[in-house]
Amino acid sequence: MIRLFAALSIPADIGRALQPRQTGIDGARWRPLEALHVTLRFYGDIREDVARDLDAELVQIRGHALEIELSGAGAFDNGDGIDAVWAGVAENAELRRLAEACETAARRAGLKPEKHNYKPHVTLAYLRRPDPAEVAAWIQANNLLRSPPIGIDSFGLYSSHQGGDGSYYRLEAKYGLG
């Protein structure tokens, strides 16, 4: 089994601009620069043969180069409490089409449909039982976050691996756009 997701990488200069925002919540596991990305579709743990089928489907995606912009900040609550803070991505029809194409590829490869609505974002930290007041203060301090336009000419299929300091990601395949 291999844990996979499709994502857009965040350029190093944009990631470095986000790093000063990675403070202010006790116990937060702030994501390193190389882990910052915008997920298009999380596929989860899948068999190697299904991963090959998925790759064959993703290779067929046709899209145009696009630009995205980071905009705003927020948090995710998994029902048991707040578990992540993120930088948002401004609404973008091309990005949504690309995410939908990644969803279609998953279904063609035999994977179950995604249950959650697509919410493009860059996870900045994972949290374990944070103080809600600290999270609220962090969101308020970062809710005007804006990035310059980020040119996107490819997306990748990444594997996720657990390490001593949390998960790390490896690019398994890259797919061009445009």
Protein backbone atom coordinates (compact mmCIF):
# COMPACT_ATOMS: atom_id res chain seq x y z
CA MET A 1 0.00 0.00 0.00
CA ILE A 2 1.09 3.52 -0.72
CA ARG A 3 -0.49 6.76 0.57
CA LEU A 4 -0.93 9.20 -2.33
CA PHE A 5 -2.26 12.65 -3.10
CA ALA A 6 -2.22 15.00 -6.09
CA ALA A 7 -1.03 18.53 -5.35
CA LEU A 8 0.47 21.78 -6.54
CA SER A 9 3.84 22.60 -5.04
CA ILE A 10 4.34 26.01 -3.51
CA PRO A 11 7.41 27.88 -4.83
CA ALA A 12 10.17 28.40 -2.27
CA ASP A 13 9.84 32.21 -2.30
CA ILE A 14 6.12 31.99 -1.46
CA GLY A 15 6.85 29.38 1.22
CA ARG A 16 9.53 31.57 2.79
CA ALA A 17 7.03 34.44 2.90
CA LEU A 18 4.64 32.18 4.83
CA GLN A 19 7.19 31.06 7.42
CA PRO A 20 6.98 34.21 9.61
CA ARG A 21 3.27 33.38 10.03
CA GLN A 22 4.15 29.99 11.51
CA THR A 23 4.12 31.05 15.14
CA GLY A 24 1.69 31.91 17.93
CA ILE A 25 -0.01 28.59 18.68
CA ASP A 26 1.47 26.50 21.50
CA GLY A 27 2.22 22.91 20.49
CA ALA A 28 1.59 23.50 16.77
CA ARG A 29 3.55 21.26 14.42
CA TRP A 30 4.47 23.85 11.82
CA ARG A 31 5.03 22.38 8.36
CA PRO A 32 8.49 22.74 6.82
CA LEU A 33 8.97 24.64 3.59
CA GLU A 34 9.30 21.47 1.49
CA ALA A 35 5.92 20.20 2.77
CA LEU A 36 3.85 23.24 1.72
CA HIS A 37 1.43 22.43 -1.10
CA VAL A 38 -2.14 22.81 -2.32
CA THR A 39 -3.82 19.41 -2.38
CA LEU A 40 -5.93 18.71 -5.46
CA ARG A 41 -7.15 15.27 -4.32
CA PHE A 42 -6.14 13.05 -1.41
CA TYR A 43 -6.28 9.41 -2.54
CA GLY A 44 -5.24 7.73 0.70
CA ASP A 45 -3.67 4.30 1.07
CA ILE A 46 -3.99 2.39 -2.18
CA ARG A 47 -2.50 -0.77 -3.67
CA GLU A 48 0.48 -0.48 -6.02
CA ASP A 49 -1.53 -1.74 -9.02
CA VAL A 50 -4.22 0.88 -8.38
CA ALA A 51 -1.46 3.51 -8.06
CA ARG A 52 -0.24 2.55 -11.54
CA ASP A 53 -3.80 2.85 -12.89
CA LEU A 54 -4.15 6.23 -11.19
CA ASP A 55 -0.89 7.45 -12.75
CA ALA A 56 -2.15 6.33 -16.18
CA GLU A 57 -5.31 8.39 -15.64
CA LEU A 58 -3.51 11.47 -14.30
CA VAL A 59 -1.15 11.50 -17.29
CA GLN A 60 -4.21 12.02 -19.51
CA ILE A 61 -5.34 15.21 -17.76
CA ARG A 62 -5.25 18.14 -20.12
CA GLY A 63 -5.27 21.59 -18.66
CA HIS A 64 -3.79 25.01 -19.07
CA ALA A 65 -1.11 26.67 -17.04
CA LEU A 66 -2.84 28.79 -14.43
CA GLU A 67 -2.22 31.29 -11.68
CA ILE A 68 -3.38 30.97 -8.10
CA GLU A 69 -3.23 33.42 -5.21
CA LEU A 70 -3.14 32.69 -1.52
CA SER A 71 -5.85 34.59 0.30
CA GLY A 72 -6.89 34.57 3.94
CA ALA A 73 -6.35 32.10 6.73
CA GLY A 74 -8.44 29.65 8.69
CA ALA A 75 -8.62 26.41 10.63
CA PHE A 76 -10.13 22.97 10.19
CA ASP A 77 -12.17 21.30 12.90
CA ASN A 78 -12.43 17.52 12.49
CA GLY A 79 -15.37 17.27 14.89
CA ASP A 80 -13.11 16.48 17.85
CA GLY A 81 -11.56 19.94 17.85
CA ILE A 82 -9.35 22.16 15.74
CA ASP A 83 -6.67 20.11 14.03
CA ALA A 84 -4.99 22.41 11.47
CA VAL A 85 -4.46 26.02 10.45
CA TRP A 86 -4.05 27.05 6.84
CA ALA A 87 -3.53 29.76 4.27
CA GLY A 88 -6.48 29.89 1.88
CA VAL A 89 -6.47 29.95 -1.91
CA ALA A 90 -8.60 32.51 -3.73
CA GLU A 91 -11.48 31.09 -5.75
CA ASN A 92 -10.19 29.98 -9.14
CA ALA A 93 -12.23 28.21 -11.84
CA GLU A 94 -9.16 26.66 -13.50
CA LEU A 95 -7.94 25.26 -10.18
CA ARG A 96 -11.38 23.79 -9.53
CA ARG A 97 -11.38 22.16 -12.98
CA LEU A 98 -7.98 20.63 -12.28
CA ALA A 99 -9.16 19.28 -8.91
CA GLU A 100 -12.25 17.84 -10.61
CA ALA A 101 -10.04 16.18 -13.23
CA CYS A 102 -8.00 14.59 -10.41
CA GLU A 103 -11.27 13.35 -8.88
CA THR A 104 -12.36 11.89 -12.22
CA ALA A 105 -8.97 10.16 -12.55
CA ALA A 106 -9.51 8.60 -9.13
CA ARG A 107 -12.91 7.22 -10.10
CA ARG A 108 -11.58 5.85 -13.40
CA ALA A 109 -8.82 4.11 -11.45
CA GLY A 110 -11.49 2.47 -9.27
CA LEU A 111 -11.23 4.66 -6.16
CA LYS A 112 -14.25 5.78 -4.17
CA PRO A 113 -15.52 9.34 -4.66
CA GLU A 114 -14.22 12.05 -2.34
CA LYS A 115 -16.73 12.75 0.44
CA HIS A 116 -15.62 16.28 1.33
CA ASN A 117 -16.17 19.48 -0.61
CA TYR A 118 -12.98 20.79 -2.17
CA LYS A 119 -11.43 23.61 -0.10
CA PRO A 120 -8.07 24.62 -1.60
CA HIS A 121 -5.55 25.64 1.04
CA VAL A 122 -1.95 25.32 2.22
CA THR A 123 -1.73 23.59 5.60
CA LEU A 124 0.68 25.58 7.76
CA ALA A 125 0.43 23.53 10.97
CA TYR A 126 -1.20 20.49 12.48
CA LEU A 127 -2.61 20.96 15.96
CA ARG A 128 -3.37 18.73 18.93
CA ARG A 129 -5.91 20.16 21.38
CA PRO A 130 -4.91 23.79 20.90
CA ASP A 131 -6.23 26.68 22.93
CA PRO A 132 -9.16 27.94 20.78
CA ALA A 133 -8.35 31.54 21.79
CA GLU A 134 -4.81 31.15 20.40
CA VAL A 135 -6.18 29.75 17.13
CA ALA A 136 -8.73 32.57 16.87
CA ALA A 137 -5.99 35.14 17.51
CA TRP A 138 -3.78 33.49 14.87
CA ILE A 139 -6.59 33.58 12.30
CA GLN A 140 -7.35 37.23 13.08
CA ALA A 141 -3.66 38.14 12.76
CA ASN A 142 -3.37 36.33 9.40
CA ASN A 143 -6.78 36.75 7.78
CA LEU A 144 -5.55 39.48 5.43
CA LEU A 145 -2.85 37.17 4.02
CA ARG A 146 -2.39 37.69 0.28
CA SER A 147 0.28 36.39 -2.06
CA PRO A 148 1.33 37.62 -5.45
CA PRO A 149 0.06 35.46 -8.33
CA ILE A 150 1.70 32.04 -8.35
CA GLY A 151 2.26 30.55 -11.81
CA ILE A 152 1.40 26.86 -12.03
CA ASP A 153 2.51 24.83 -15.04
CA SER A 154 2.39 21.33 -13.51
CA PHE A 155 1.00 19.25 -10.69
CA GLY A 156 2.37 16.19 -8.98
CA LEU A 157 1.46 12.86 -7.51
CA TYR A 158 3.04 12.65 -4.06
CA SER A 159 3.49 9.83 -1.58
CA SER A 160 3.17 10.52 2.14
CA HIS A 161 5.40 8.78 4.67
CA GLN A 162 5.37 8.95 8.47
CA GLY A 163 8.64 9.97 10.12
CA GLY A 164 9.71 10.85 13.63
CA ASP A 165 8.85 14.53 13.07
CA GLY A 166 5.55 13.90 11.30
CA SER A 167 4.84 13.12 7.68
CA TYR A 168 7.12 13.88 4.78
CA TYR A 169 6.29 13.81 1.09
CA ARG A 170 8.01 12.48 -2.01
CA LEU A 171 7.16 13.46 -5.59
CA GLU A 172 6.30 10.25 -7.44
CA ALA A 173 5.24 11.73 -10.80
CA LYS A 174 4.92 15.16 -12.36
CA TYR A 175 2.29 16.14 -14.95
CA GLY A 176 2.60 19.17 -17.18
CA LEU A 177 -0.12 21.73 -17.85
CA GLY A 178 -0.36 24.01 -20.84
